[in-house]
Amino acid sequence: MQKPLVIYTYAKCSTCRDATRWLRDRGIPFEERPIRETPPSIAELRAMLAACDGDMRKLFNTSGMDYRAQNLAAKLPGLGEKEAFDLLRGNGNLVKRPFLLTADGKGVVGFKPDVWEKVLKA
């Protein structure tokens, strides 16, 4: 049996609901985790950072209130990986969602059906 995908979501996020519906409609098995209560692990954040070509900003929910309240737009460029990961691990609201990881280390944040199609078919 194929190991399911892991998708971190927020229940009140319509984009997250669209993403899980998209997976279900295609019969793609997945394990859903609540991003606020159980943010991605350091290993998962590292895997996603690699999938995002090292662009740390892509891991952050830049439109979220917590991001704006902490003035992270100004602070993020000066943060090291450990500091950024500590922020993401400490506050799931800061993590861009949905946050999808495959068993073979591919990943994507946000939901664009054409991008997900490419990631999951490749």
PDB file of N, CA and C in Angstrom:
ATOM      1  N   MET A   1       0.840  -1.195   0.000  1.00  0.00           N
ATOM      2  CA  MET A   1       0.000   0.000   0.000  1.00  0.00           C
ATOM      3  C   MET A   1       0.877   1.247   0.000  1.00  0.00           C
ATOM      4  N   GLN A   2       0.494   2.213  -0.777  1.00  0.00           N
ATOM      5  CA  GLN A   2       1.234   3.468  -0.899  1.00  0.00           C
ATOM      6  C   GLN A   2       1.048   4.304   0.370  1.00  0.00           C
ATOM      7  N   LYS A   3       2.150   4.877   0.852  1.00  0.00           N
ATOM      8  CA  LYS A   3       2.073   5.755   2.004  1.00  0.00           C
ATOM      9  C   LYS A   3       1.308   7.012   1.594  1.00  0.00           C
ATOM     10  N   PRO A   4       0.336   7.428   2.431  1.00  0.00           N
ATOM     11  CA  PRO A   4      -0.457   8.588   2.031  1.00  0.00           C
ATOM     12  C   PRO A   4       0.324   9.891   2.089  1.00  0.00           C
ATOM     13  N   LEU A   5      -0.186  10.851   1.376  1.00  0.00           N
ATOM     14  CA  LEU A   5       0.347  12.202   1.440  1.00  0.00           C
ATOM     15  C   LEU A   5       0.013  12.759   2.819  1.00  0.00           C
ATOM     16  N   VAL A   6       0.773  13.746   3.231  1.00  0.00           N
ATOM     17  CA  VAL A   6       0.454  14.473   4.459  1.00  0.00           C
ATOM     18  C   VAL A   6       0.075  15.877   4.049  1.00  0.00           C
ATOM     19  N   ILE A   7      -1.077  16.317   4.500  1.00  0.00           N
ATOM     20  CA  ILE A   7      -1.529  17.670   4.209  1.00  0.00           C
ATOM     21  C   ILE A   7      -1.922  18.348   5.518  1.00  0.00           C
ATOM     22  N   TYR A   8      -1.303  19.494   5.737  1.00  0.00           N
ATOM     23  CA  TYR A   8      -1.627  20.315   6.894  1.00  0.00           C
ATOM     24  C   TYR A   8      -2.664  21.341   6.455  1.00  0.00           C
ATOM     25  N   THR A   9      -3.739  21.425   7.226  1.00  0.00           N
ATOM     26  CA  THR A   9      -4.841  22.315   6.872  1.00  0.00           C
ATOM     27  C   THR A   9      -5.356  23.060   8.099  1.00  0.00           C
ATOM     28  N   TYR A  10      -6.166  24.060   7.834  1.00  0.00           N
ATOM     29  CA  TYR A  10      -6.891  24.792   8.864  1.00  0.00           C
ATOM     30  C   TYR A  10      -8.367  24.663   8.517  1.00  0.00           C
ATOM     31  N   ALA A  11      -9.158  24.169   9.452  1.00  0.00           N
ATOM     32  CA  ALA A  11     -10.559  23.847   9.184  1.00  0.00           C
ATOM     33  C   ALA A  11     -11.371  25.018   8.643  1.00  0.00           C
ATOM     34  N   LYS A  12     -11.058  26.240   9.061  1.00  0.00           N
ATOM     35  CA  LYS A  12     -11.831  27.403   8.623  1.00  0.00           C
ATOM     36  C   LYS A  12     -11.329  28.002   7.310  1.00  0.00           C
ATOM     37  N   CYS A  13     -10.345  27.367   6.700  1.00  0.00           N
ATOM     38  CA  CYS A  13      -9.737  27.866   5.465  1.00  0.00           C
ATOM     39  C   CYS A  13     -10.421  27.218   4.254  1.00  0.00           C
ATOM     40  N   SER A  14     -11.089  28.032   3.447  1.00  0.00           N
ATOM     41  CA  SER A  14     -11.791  27.490   2.283  1.00  0.00           C
ATOM     42  C   SER A  14     -10.820  26.898   1.262  1.00  0.00           C
ATOM     43  N   THR A  15      -9.631  27.465   1.153  1.00  0.00           N
ATOM     44  CA  THR A  15      -8.632  26.918   0.223  1.00  0.00           C
ATOM     45  C   THR A  15      -8.201  25.523   0.667  1.00  0.00           C
ATOM     46  N   CYS A  16      -8.065  25.329   1.969  1.00  0.00           N
ATOM     47  CA  CYS A  16      -7.715  24.001   2.492  1.00  0.00           C
ATOM     48  C   CYS A  16      -8.824  23.001   2.204  1.00  0.00           C
ATOM     49  N   ARG A  17     -10.055  23.432   2.377  1.00  0.00           N
ATOM     50  CA  ARG A  17     -11.191  22.542   2.069  1.00  0.00           C
ATOM     51  C   ARG A  17     -11.224  22.202   0.585  1.00  0.00           C
ATOM     52  N   ASP A  18     -10.946  23.188  -0.269  1.00  0.00           N
ATOM     53  CA  ASP A  18     -10.881  22.934  -1.711  1.00  0.00           C
ATOM     54  C   ASP A  18      -9.796  21.909  -2.033  1.00  0.00           C
ATOM     55  N   ALA A  19      -8.654  22.035  -1.373  1.00  0.00           N
ATOM     56  CA  ALA A  19      -7.531  21.127  -1.626  1.00  0.00           C
ATOM     57  C   ALA A  19      -7.868  19.696  -1.220  1.00  0.00           C
ATOM     58  N   THR A  20      -8.461  19.515  -0.033  1.00  0.00           N
ATOM     59  CA  THR A  20      -8.792  18.151   0.398  1.00  0.00           C
ATOM     60  C   THR A  20      -9.908  17.568  -0.462  1.00  0.00           C
ATOM     61  N   ARG A  21     -10.844  18.398  -0.892  1.00  0.00           N
ATOM     62  CA  ARG A  21     -11.898  17.937  -1.807  1.00  0.00           C
ATOM     63  C   ARG A  21     -11.279  17.490  -3.128  1.00  0.00           C
ATOM     64  N   TRP A  22     -10.323  18.248  -3.638  1.00  0.00           N
ATOM     65  CA  TRP A  22      -9.628  17.926  -4.877  1.00  0.00           C
ATOM     66  C   TRP A  22      -8.951  16.556  -4.756  1.00  0.00           C
ATOM     67  N   LEU A  23      -8.288  16.319  -3.633  1.00  0.00           N
ATOM     68  CA  LEU A  23      -7.627  15.022  -3.413  1.00  0.00           C
ATOM     69  C   LEU A  23      -8.657  13.896  -3.353  1.00  0.00           C
ATOM     70  N   ARG A  24      -9.732  14.104  -2.600  1.00  0.00           N
ATOM     71  CA  ARG A  24     -10.776  13.077  -2.481  1.00  0.00           C
ATOM     72  C   ARG A  24     -11.416  12.769  -3.834  1.00  0.00           C
ATOM     73  N   ASP A  25     -11.686  13.817  -4.607  1.00  0.00           N
ATOM     74  CA  ASP A  25     -12.315  13.627  -5.925  1.00  0.00           C
ATOM     75  C   ASP A  25     -11.448  12.782  -6.856  1.00  0.00           C
ATOM     76  N   ARG A  26     -10.159  12.779  -6.638  1.00  0.00           N
ATOM     77  CA  ARG A  26      -9.233  12.005  -7.463  1.00  0.00           C
ATOM     78  C   ARG A  26      -8.851  10.665  -6.827  1.00  0.00           C
ATOM     79  N   GLY A  27      -9.429  10.387  -5.669  1.00  0.00           N
ATOM     80  CA  GLY A  27      -9.144   9.124  -4.992  1.00  0.00           C
ATOM     81  C   GLY A  27      -7.721   9.031  -4.464  1.00  0.00           C
ATOM     82  N   ILE A  28      -7.127  10.168  -4.165  1.00  0.00           N
ATOM     83  CA  ILE A  28      -5.746  10.201  -3.663  1.00  0.00           C
ATOM     84  C   ILE A  28      -5.783  10.129  -2.136  1.00  0.00           C
ATOM     85  N   PRO A  29      -5.217   9.064  -1.553  1.00  0.00           N
ATOM     86  CA  PRO A  29      -5.237   8.950  -0.091  1.00  0.00           C
ATOM     87  C   PRO A  29      -4.322   9.996   0.552  1.00  0.00           C
ATOM     88  N   PHE A  30      -4.755  10.515   1.689  1.00  0.00           N
ATOM     89  CA  PHE A  30      -3.945  11.502   2.393  1.00  0.00           C
ATOM     90  C   PHE A  30      -4.229  11.442   3.883  1.00  0.00           C
ATOM     91  N   GLU A  31      -3.261  11.934   4.636  1.00  0.00           N
ATOM     92  CA  GLU A  31      -3.412  12.087   6.077  1.00  0.00           C
ATOM     93  C   GLU A  31      -3.503  13.586   6.342  1.00  0.00           C
ATOM     94  N   GLU A  32      -4.611  14.013   6.925  1.00  0.00           N
ATOM     95  CA  GLU A  32      -4.822  15.435   7.197  1.00  0.00           C
ATOM     96  C   GLU A  32      -4.437  15.735   8.641  1.00  0.00           C
ATOM     97  N   ARG A  33      -3.669  16.815   8.805  1.00  0.00           N
ATOM     98  CA  ARG A  33      -3.252  17.237  10.145  1.00  0.00           C
ATOM     99  C   ARG A  33      -3.634  18.709  10.350  1.00  0.00           C
ATOM    100  N   PRO A  34      -4.107  19.032  11.540  1.00  0.00           N
ATOM    101  CA  PRO A  34      -4.462  20.431  11.820  1.00  0.00           C
ATOM    102  C   PRO A  34      -3.207  21.284  12.028  1.00  0.00           C
ATOM    103  N   ILE A  35      -3.019  22.263  11.169  1.00  0.00           N
ATOM    104  CA  ILE A  35      -1.778  23.042  11.148  1.00  0.00           C
ATOM    105  C   ILE A  35      -1.600  23.897  12.399  1.00  0.00           C
ATOM    106  N   ARG A  36      -2.678  24.376  12.975  1.00  0.00           N
ATOM    107  CA  ARG A  36      -2.556  25.226  14.162  1.00  0.00           C
ATOM    108  C   ARG A  36      -2.159  24.417  15.389  1.00  0.00           C
ATOM    109  N   GLU A  37      -2.740  23.235  15.528  1.00  0.00           N
ATOM    110  CA  GLU A  37      -2.476  22.402  16.700  1.00  0.00           C
ATOM    111  C   GLU A  37      -1.195  21.593  16.576  1.00  0.00           C
ATOM    112  N   THR A  38      -0.873  21.180  15.363  1.00  0.00           N
ATOM    113  CA  THR A  38       0.322  20.363  15.133  1.00  0.00           C
ATOM    114  C   THR A  38       1.068  20.887  13.911  1.00  0.00           C
ATOM    115  N   PRO A  39       1.819  21.979  14.067  1.00  0.00           N
ATOM    116  CA  PRO A  39       2.568  22.519  12.925  1.00  0.00           C
ATOM    117  C   PRO A  39       3.560  21.484  12.383  1.00  0.00           C
ATOM    118  N   PRO A  40       3.974  21.651  11.142  1.00  0.00           N
ATOM    119  CA  PRO A  40       4.945  20.716  10.562  1.00  0.00           C
ATOM    120  C   PRO A  40       6.225  20.625  11.411  1.00  0.00           C
ATOM    121  N   SER A  41       6.829  19.449  11.379  1.00  0.00           N
ATOM    122  CA  SER A  41       8.087  19.215  12.106  1.00  0.00           C
ATOM    123  C   SER A  41       9.239  19.939  11.406  1.00  0.00           C
ATOM    124  N   ILE A  42      10.348  20.012  12.099  1.00  0.00           N
ATOM    125  CA  ILE A  42      11.550  20.615  11.508  1.00  0.00           C
ATOM    126  C   ILE A  42      11.924  19.861  10.227  1.00  0.00           C
ATOM    127  N   ALA A  43      11.877  18.530  10.270  1.00  0.00           N
ATOM    128  CA  ALA A  43      12.215  17.736   9.083  1.00  0.00           C
ATOM    129  C   ALA A  43      11.261  18.046   7.931  1.00  0.00           C
ATOM    130  N   GLU A  44       9.980  18.206   8.233  1.00  0.00           N
ATOM    131  CA  GLU A  44       9.011  18.532   7.187  1.00  0.00           C
ATOM    132  C   GLU A  44       9.233  19.945   6.655  1.00  0.00           C
ATOM    133  N   LEU A  45       9.568  20.873   7.543  1.00  0.00           N
ATOM    134  CA  LEU A  45       9.862  22.240   7.093  1.00  0.00           C
ATOM    135  C   LEU A  45      11.092  22.256   6.191  1.00  0.00           C
ATOM    136  N   ARG A  46      12.104  21.469   6.552  1.00  0.00           N
ATOM    137  CA  ARG A  46      13.314  21.393   5.711  1.00  0.00           C
ATOM    138  C   ARG A  46      12.980  20.819   4.337  1.00  0.00           C
ATOM    139  N   ALA A  47      12.158  19.768   4.319  1.00  0.00           N
ATOM    140  CA  ALA A  47      11.762  19.153   3.046  1.00  0.00           C
ATOM    141  C   ALA A  47      10.994  20.157   2.189  1.00  0.00           C
ATOM    142  N   MET A  48      10.106  20.915   2.818  1.00  0.00           N
ATOM    143  CA  MET A  48       9.332  21.893   2.060  1.00  0.00           C
ATOM    144  C   MET A  48      10.212  23.043   1.589  1.00  0.00           C
ATOM    145  N   LEU A  49      11.164  23.444   2.409  1.00  0.00           N
ATOM    146  CA  LEU A  49      12.081  24.507   2.001  1.00  0.00           C
ATOM    147  C   LEU A  49      12.853  24.071   0.755  1.00  0.00           C
ATOM    148  N   ALA A  50      13.301  22.824   0.731  1.00  0.00           N
ATOM    149  CA  ALA A  50      13.997  22.302  -0.452  1.00  0.00           C
ATOM    150  C   ALA A  50      13.057  22.282  -1.657  1.00  0.00           C
ATOM    151  N   ALA A  51      11.797  21.876  -1.436  1.00  0.00           N
ATOM    152  CA  ALA A  51      10.821  21.844  -2.528  1.00  0.00           C
ATOM    153  C   ALA A  51      10.520  23.245  -3.052  1.00  0.00           C
ATOM    154  N   CYS A  52      10.707  24.253  -2.205  1.00  0.00           N
ATOM    155  CA  CYS A  52      10.473  25.660  -2.594  1.00  0.00           C
ATOM    156  C   CYS A  52      11.770  26.336  -3.018  1.00  0.00           C
ATOM    157  N   ASP A  53      12.744  25.544  -3.418  1.00  0.00           N
ATOM    158  CA  ASP A  53      14.028  26.054  -3.905  1.00  0.00           C
ATOM    159  C   ASP A  53      14.712  27.001  -2.919  1.00  0.00           C
ATOM    160  N   GLY A  54      14.547  26.707  -1.629  1.00  0.00           N
ATOM    161  CA  GLY A  54      15.241  27.481  -0.607  1.00  0.00           C
ATOM    162  C   GLY A  54      14.633  28.830  -0.290  1.00  0.00           C
ATOM    163  N   ASP A  55      13.445  29.123  -0.828  1.00  0.00           N
ATOM    164  CA  ASP A  55      12.798  30.412  -0.584  1.00  0.00           C
ATOM    165  C   ASP A  55      11.977  30.331   0.706  1.00  0.00           C
ATOM    166  N   MET A  56      12.563  30.762   1.810  1.00  0.00           N
ATOM    167  CA  MET A  56      11.921  30.672   3.119  1.00  0.00           C
ATOM    168  C   MET A  56      10.582  31.400   3.156  1.00  0.00           C
ATOM    169  N   ARG A  57      10.483  32.505   2.458  1.00  0.00           N
ATOM    170  CA  ARG A  57       9.244  33.300   2.468  1.00  0.00           C
ATOM    171  C   ARG A  57       8.038  32.469   2.020  1.00  0.00           C
ATOM    172  N   LYS A  58       8.258  31.512   1.119  1.00  0.00           N
ATOM    173  CA  LYS A  58       7.154  30.690   0.616  1.00  0.00           C
ATOM    174  C   LYS A  58       6.532  29.803   1.699  1.00  0.00           C
ATOM    175  N   LEU A  59       7.243  29.582   2.787  1.00  0.00           N
ATOM    176  CA  LEU A  59       6.708  28.756   3.866  1.00  0.00           C
ATOM    177  C   LEU A  59       5.787  29.539   4.796  1.00  0.00           C
ATOM    178  N   PHE A  60       5.832  30.856   4.709  1.00  0.00           N
ATOM    179  CA  PHE A  60       5.069  31.708   5.615  1.00  0.00           C
ATOM    180  C   PHE A  60       3.741  32.148   5.011  1.00  0.00           C
ATOM    181  N   ASN A  61       2.726  32.205   5.855  1.00  0.00           N
ATOM    182  CA  ASN A  61       1.415  32.722   5.498  1.00  0.00           C
ATOM    183  C   ASN A  61       1.512  34.244   5.552  1.00  0.00           C
ATOM    184  N   THR A  62       1.994  34.830   4.480  1.00  0.00           N
ATOM    185  CA  THR A  62       2.293  36.263   4.460  1.00  0.00           C
ATOM    186  C   THR A  62       1.047  37.143   4.500  1.00  0.00           C
ATOM    187  N   SER A  63      -0.120  36.575   4.283  1.00  0.00           N
ATOM    188  CA  SER A  63      -1.353  37.365   4.355  1.00  0.00           C
ATOM    189  C   SER A  63      -2.039  37.238   5.710  1.00  0.00           C
ATOM    190  N   GLY A  64      -1.450  36.446   6.608  1.00  0.00           N
ATOM    191  CA  GLY A  64      -2.069  36.214   7.911  1.00  0.00           C
ATOM    192  C   GLY A  64      -1.849  37.345   8.900  1.00  0.00           C
ATOM    193  N   MET A  65      -2.766  37.442   9.849  1.00  0.00           N
ATOM    194  CA  MET A  65      -2.683  38.489  10.869  1.00  0.00           C
ATOM    195  C   MET A  65      -1.450  38.318  11.754  1.00  0.00           C
ATOM    196  N   ASP A  66      -1.101  37.079  12.085  1.00  0.00           N
ATOM    197  CA  ASP A  66       0.064  36.852  12.945  1.00  0.00           C
ATOM    198  C   ASP A  66       1.349  37.310  12.255  1.00  0.00           C
ATOM    199  N   TYR A  67       1.445  37.071  10.963  1.00  0.00           N
ATOM    200  CA  TYR A  67       2.614  37.492  10.183  1.00  0.00           C
ATOM    201  C   TYR A  67       2.736  39.019  10.216  1.00  0.00           C
ATOM    202  N   ARG A  68       1.620  39.676   9.983  1.00  0.00           N
ATOM    203  CA  ARG A  68       1.620  41.147   9.985  1.00  0.00           C
ATOM    204  C   ARG A  68       1.869  41.700  11.384  1.00  0.00           C
ATOM    205  N   ALA A  69       1.249  41.098  12.403  1.00  0.00           N
ATOM    206  CA  ALA A  69       1.393  41.584  13.782  1.00  0.00           C
ATOM    207  C   ALA A  69       2.844  41.519  14.260  1.00  0.00           C
ATOM    208  N   GLN A  70       3.582  40.528  13.777  1.00  0.00           N
ATOM    209  CA  GLN A  70       4.989  40.375  14.175  1.00  0.00           C
ATOM    210  C   GLN A  70       5.946  41.116  13.233  1.00  0.00           C
ATOM    211  N   ASN A  71       5.384  41.825  12.258  1.00  0.00           N
ATOM    212  CA  ASN A  71       6.187  42.584  11.289  1.00  0.00           C
ATOM    213  C   ASN A  71       7.234  41.687  10.616  1.00  0.00           C
ATOM    214  N   LEU A  72       6.817  40.489  10.258  1.00  0.00           N
ATOM    215  CA  LEU A  72       7.759  39.527   9.684  1.00  0.00           C
ATOM    216  C   LEU A  72       8.206  39.879   8.276  1.00  0.00           C
ATOM    217  N   ALA A  73       7.456  40.705   7.577  1.00  0.00           N
ATOM    218  CA  ALA A  73       7.900  41.132   6.247  1.00  0.00           C
ATOM    219  C   ALA A  73       9.255  41.824   6.349  1.00  0.00           C
ATOM    220  N   ALA A  74       9.436  42.607   7.399  1.00  0.00           N
ATOM    221  CA  ALA A  74      10.702  43.309   7.604  1.00  0.00           C
ATOM    222  C   ALA A  74      11.748  42.422   8.269  1.00  0.00           C
ATOM    223  N   LYS A  75      11.312  41.518   9.147  1.00  0.00           N
ATOM    224  CA  LYS A  75      12.253  40.700   9.929  1.00  0.00           C
ATOM    225  C   LYS A  75      12.751  39.454   9.192  1.00  0.00           C
ATOM    226  N   LEU A  76      11.891  38.872   8.355  1.00  0.00           N
ATOM    227  CA  LEU A  76      12.211  37.586   7.730  1.00  0.00           C
ATOM    228  C   LEU A  76      13.525  37.573   6.956  1.00  0.00           C
ATOM    229  N   PRO A  77      13.834  38.601   6.182  1.00  0.00           N
ATOM    230  CA  PRO A  77      15.104  38.550   5.437  1.00  0.00           C
ATOM    231  C   PRO A  77      16.348  38.415   6.323  1.00  0.00           C
ATOM    232  N   GLY A  78      16.266  38.868   7.561  1.00  0.00           N
ATOM    233  CA  GLY A  78      17.413  38.794   8.467  1.00  0.00           C
ATOM    234  C   GLY A  78      17.434  37.569   9.356  1.00  0.00           C
ATOM    235  N   LEU A  79      16.418  36.719   9.251  1.00  0.00           N
ATOM    236  CA  LEU A  79      16.353  35.534  10.099  1.00  0.00           C
ATOM    237  C   LEU A  79      17.143  34.372   9.505  1.00  0.00           C
ATOM    238  N   GLY A  80      17.783  33.615  10.362  1.00  0.00           N
ATOM    239  CA  GLY A  80      18.420  32.379   9.942  1.00  0.00           C
ATOM    240  C   GLY A  80      17.384  31.269   9.861  1.00  0.00           C
ATOM    241  N   GLU A  81      17.787  30.145   9.297  1.00  0.00           N
ATOM    242  CA  GLU A  81      16.865  29.015   9.143  1.00  0.00           C
ATOM    243  C   GLU A  81      16.300  28.566  10.484  1.00  0.00           C
ATOM    244  N   LYS A  82      17.161  28.433  11.492  1.00  0.00           N
ATOM    245  CA  LYS A  82      16.698  27.969  12.811  1.00  0.00           C
ATOM    246  C   LYS A  82      15.656  28.921  13.389  1.00  0.00           C
ATOM    247  N   GLU A  83      15.910  30.213  13.309  1.00  0.00           N
ATOM    248  CA  GLU A  83      14.958  31.194  13.848  1.00  0.00           C
ATOM    249  C   GLU A  83      13.625  31.135  13.104  1.00  0.00           C
ATOM    250  N   ALA A  84      13.692  31.037  11.795  1.00  0.00           N
ATOM    251  CA  ALA A  84      12.470  30.972  10.992  1.00  0.00           C
ATOM    252  C   ALA A  84      11.685  29.693  11.308  1.00  0.00           C
ATOM    253  N   PHE A  85      12.388  28.564  11.378  1.00  0.00           N
ATOM    254  CA  PHE A  85      11.720  27.299  11.692  1.00  0.00           C
ATOM    255  C   PHE A  85      11.137  27.326  13.098  1.00  0.00           C
ATOM    256  N   ASP A  86      11.820  27.941  14.044  1.00  0.00           N
ATOM    257  CA  ASP A  86      11.287  28.057  15.404  1.00  0.00           C
ATOM    258  C   ASP A  86       9.974  28.843  15.406  1.00  0.00           C
ATOM    259  N   LEU A  87       9.911  29.900  14.619  1.00  0.00           N
ATOM    260  CA  LEU A  87       8.667  30.671  14.507  1.00  0.00           C
ATOM    261  C   LEU A  87       7.547  29.814  13.924  1.00  0.00           C
ATOM    262  N   LEU A  88       7.845  29.099  12.843  1.00  0.00           N
ATOM    263  CA  LEU A  88       6.840  28.267  12.184  1.00  0.00           C
ATOM    264  C   LEU A  88       6.370  27.123  13.083  1.00  0.00           C
ATOM    265  N   ARG A  89       7.308  26.500  13.782  1.00  0.00           N
ATOM    266  CA  ARG A  89       6.959  25.396  14.692  1.00  0.00           C
ATOM    267  C   ARG A  89       6.161  25.896  15.896  1.00  0.00           C
ATOM    268  N   GLY A  90       6.434  27.126  16.312  1.00  0.00           N
ATOM    269  CA  GLY A  90       5.780  27.674  17.496  1.00  0.00           C
ATOM    270  C   GLY A  90       4.405  28.266  17.239  1.00  0.00           C
ATOM    271  N   ASN A  91       4.072  28.499  15.969  1.00  0.00           N
ATOM    272  CA  ASN A  91       2.793  29.123  15.651  1.00  0.00           C
ATOM    273  C   ASN A  91       2.338  28.645  14.271  1.00  0.00           C
ATOM    274  N   GLY A  92       1.465  27.649  14.264  1.00  0.00           N
ATOM    275  CA  GLY A  92       0.966  27.089  13.012  1.00  0.00           C
ATOM    276  C   GLY A  92       0.246  28.097  12.132  1.00  0.00           C
ATOM    277  N   ASN A  93      -0.234  29.201  12.719  1.00  0.00           N
ATOM    278  CA  ASN A  93      -0.878  30.245  11.918  1.00  0.00           C
ATOM    279  C   ASN A  93       0.100  30.902  10.958  1.00  0.00           C
ATOM    280  N   LEU A  94       1.383  30.818  11.254  1.00  0.00           N
ATOM    281  CA  LEU A  94       2.391  31.440  10.399  1.00  0.00           C
ATOM    282  C   LEU A  94       2.713  30.611   9.159  1.00  0.00           C
ATOM    283  N   VAL A  95       2.325  29.343   9.169  1.00  0.00           N
ATOM    284  CA  VAL A  95       2.674  28.434   8.079  1.00  0.00           C
ATOM    285  C   VAL A  95       1.689  28.583   6.922  1.00  0.00           C
ATOM    286  N   LYS A  96       2.223  28.728   5.721  1.00  0.00           N
ATOM    287  CA  LYS A  96       1.396  28.797   4.504  1.00  0.00           C
ATOM    288  C   LYS A  96       0.621  27.498   4.382  1.00  0.00           C
ATOM    289  N   ARG A  97      -0.656  27.623   4.057  1.00  0.00           N
ATOM    290  CA  ARG A  97      -1.498  26.439   3.956  1.00  0.00           C
ATOM    291  C   ARG A  97      -2.337  26.491   2.690  1.00  0.00           C
ATOM    292  N   PRO A  98      -2.793  25.343   2.250  1.00  0.00           N
ATOM    293  CA  PRO A  98      -2.418  24.016   2.710  1.00  0.00           C
ATOM    294  C   PRO A  98      -0.949  23.722   2.441  1.00  0.00           C
ATOM    295  N   PHE A  99      -0.421  22.816   3.224  1.00  0.00           N
ATOM    296  CA  PHE A  99       0.990  22.447   3.222  1.00  0.00           C
ATOM    297  C   PHE A  99       1.017  20.954   2.922  1.00  0.00           C
ATOM    298  N   LEU A 100       1.408  20.569   1.703  1.00  0.00           N
ATOM    299  CA  LEU A 100       1.317  19.179   1.242  1.00  0.00           C
ATOM    300  C   LEU A 100       2.700  18.584   1.030  1.00  0.00           C
ATOM    301  N   LEU A 101       2.938  17.426   1.632  1.00  0.00           N
ATOM    302  CA  LEU A 101       4.194  16.700   1.446  1.00  0.00           C
ATOM    303  C   LEU A 101       3.907  15.300   0.940  1.00  0.00           C
ATOM    304  N   THR A 102       4.709  14.853  -0.025  1.00  0.00           N
ATOM    305  CA  THR A 102       4.580  13.485  -0.525  1.00  0.00           C
ATOM    306  C   THR A 102       5.600  12.595   0.180  1.00  0.00           C
ATOM    307  N   ALA A 103       5.389  11.301   0.082  1.00  0.00           N
ATOM    308  CA  ALA A 103       6.294  10.349   0.724  1.00  0.00           C
ATOM    309  C   ALA A 103       7.704  10.423   0.139  1.00  0.00           C
ATOM    310  N   ASP A 104       7.831  10.861  -1.115  1.00  0.00           N
ATOM    311  CA  ASP A 104       9.149  10.914  -1.743  1.00  0.00           C
ATOM    312  C   ASP A 104       9.797  12.302  -1.664  1.00  0.00           C
ATOM    313  N   GLY A 105       9.290  13.151  -0.749  1.00  0.00           N
ATOM    314  CA  GLY A 105       9.954  14.421  -0.490  1.00  0.00           C
ATOM    315  C   GLY A 105       9.530  15.598  -1.338  1.00  0.00           C
ATOM    316  N   LYS A 106       8.534  15.417  -2.188  1.00  0.00           N
ATOM    317  CA  LYS A 106       8.020  16.550  -2.951  1.00  0.00           C
ATOM    318  C   LYS A 106       7.074  17.328  -2.042  1.00  0.00           C
ATOM    319  N   GLY A 107       6.929  18.588  -2.337  1.00  0.00           N
ATOM    320  CA  GLY A 107       6.038  19.379  -1.517  1.00  0.00           C
ATOM    321  C   GLY A 107       5.534  20.591  -2.250  1.00  0.00           C
ATOM    322  N   VAL A 108       4.427  21.109  -1.747  1.00  0.00           N
ATOM    323  CA  VAL A 108       3.842  22.326  -2.308  1.00  0.00           C
ATOM    324  C   VAL A 108       3.024  23.006  -1.217  1.00  0.00           C
ATOM    325  N   VAL A 109       3.104  24.334  -1.198  1.00  0.00           N
ATOM    326  CA  VAL A 109       2.291  25.125  -0.277  1.00  0.00           C
ATOM    327  C   VAL A 109       1.299  25.941  -1.089  1.00  0.00           C
ATOM    328  N   GLY A 110       0.152  26.199  -0.484  1.00  0.00           N
ATOM    329  CA  GLY A 110      -0.912  26.856  -1.222  1.00  0.00           C
ATOM    330  C   GLY A 110      -1.609  25.841  -2.104  1.00  0.00           C
ATOM    331  N   PHE A 111      -2.697  26.242  -2.723  1.00  0.00           N
ATOM    332  CA  PHE A 111      -3.419  25.308  -3.576  1.00  0.00           C
ATOM    333  C   PHE A 111      -3.724  25.926  -4.932  1.00  0.00           C
ATOM    334  N   LYS A 112      -3.052  25.367  -5.926  1.00  0.00           N
ATOM    335  CA  LYS A 112      -3.327  25.680  -7.326  1.00  0.00           C
ATOM    336  C   LYS A 112      -3.437  24.315  -8.009  1.00  0.00           C
ATOM    337  N   PRO A 113      -4.641  23.955  -8.463  1.00  0.00           N
ATOM    338  CA  PRO A 113      -4.843  22.607  -9.009  1.00  0.00           C
ATOM    339  C   PRO A 113      -3.831  22.198 -10.072  1.00  0.00           C
ATOM    340  N   ASP A 114      -3.450  23.102 -10.973  1.00  0.00           N
ATOM    341  CA  ASP A 114      -2.509  22.725 -12.021  1.00  0.00           C
ATOM    342  C   ASP A 114      -1.134  22.395 -11.443  1.00  0.00           C
ATOM    343  N   VAL A 115      -0.726  23.113 -10.406  1.00  0.00           N
ATOM    344  CA  VAL A 115       0.562  22.834  -9.755  1.00  0.00           C
ATOM    345  C   VAL A 115       0.494  21.502  -9.018  1.00  0.00           C
ATOM    346  N   TRP A 116      -0.590  21.271  -8.304  1.00  0.00           N
ATOM    347  CA  TRP A 116      -0.737  20.006  -7.570  1.00  0.00           C
ATOM    348  C   TRP A 116      -0.753  18.827  -8.545  1.00  0.00           C
ATOM    349  N   GLU A 117      -1.410  19.010  -9.659  1.00  0.00           N
ATOM    350  CA  GLU A 117      -1.464  17.943 -10.679  1.00  0.00           C
ATOM    351  C   GLU A 117      -0.042  17.575 -11.107  1.00  0.00           C
ATOM    352  N   LYS A 118       0.780  18.566 -11.381  1.00  0.00           N
ATOM    353  CA  LYS A 118       2.166  18.325 -11.805  1.00  0.00           C
ATOM    354  C   LYS A 118       2.986  17.655 -10.701  1.00  0.00           C
ATOM    355  N   VAL A 119       2.859  18.143  -9.480  1.00  0.00           N
ATOM    356  CA  VAL A 119       3.635  17.599  -8.358  1.00  0.00           C
ATOM    357  C   VAL A 119       3.250  16.145  -8.090  1.00  0.00           C
ATOM    358  N   LEU A 120       1.974  15.838  -8.151  1.00  0.00           N
ATOM    359  CA  LEU A 120       1.513  14.498  -7.809  1.00  0.00           C
ATOM    360  C   LEU A 120       1.655  13.510  -8.958  1.00  0.00           C
ATOM    361  N   LYS A 121       1.799  13.996 -10.180  1.00  0.00           N
ATOM    362  CA  LYS A 121       1.991  13.099 -11.335  1.00  0.00           C
ATOM    363  C   LYS A 121       3.468  12.821 -11.598  1.00  0.00           C
ATOM    364  N   ALA A 122       4.312  13.739 -11.205  1.00  0.00           N
ATOM    365  CA  ALA A 122       5.759  13.612 -11.504  1.00  0.00           C
ATOM    366  C   ALA A 122       6.406  12.525 -10.694  1.00  0.00           C
TER     367      ALA A 122
END
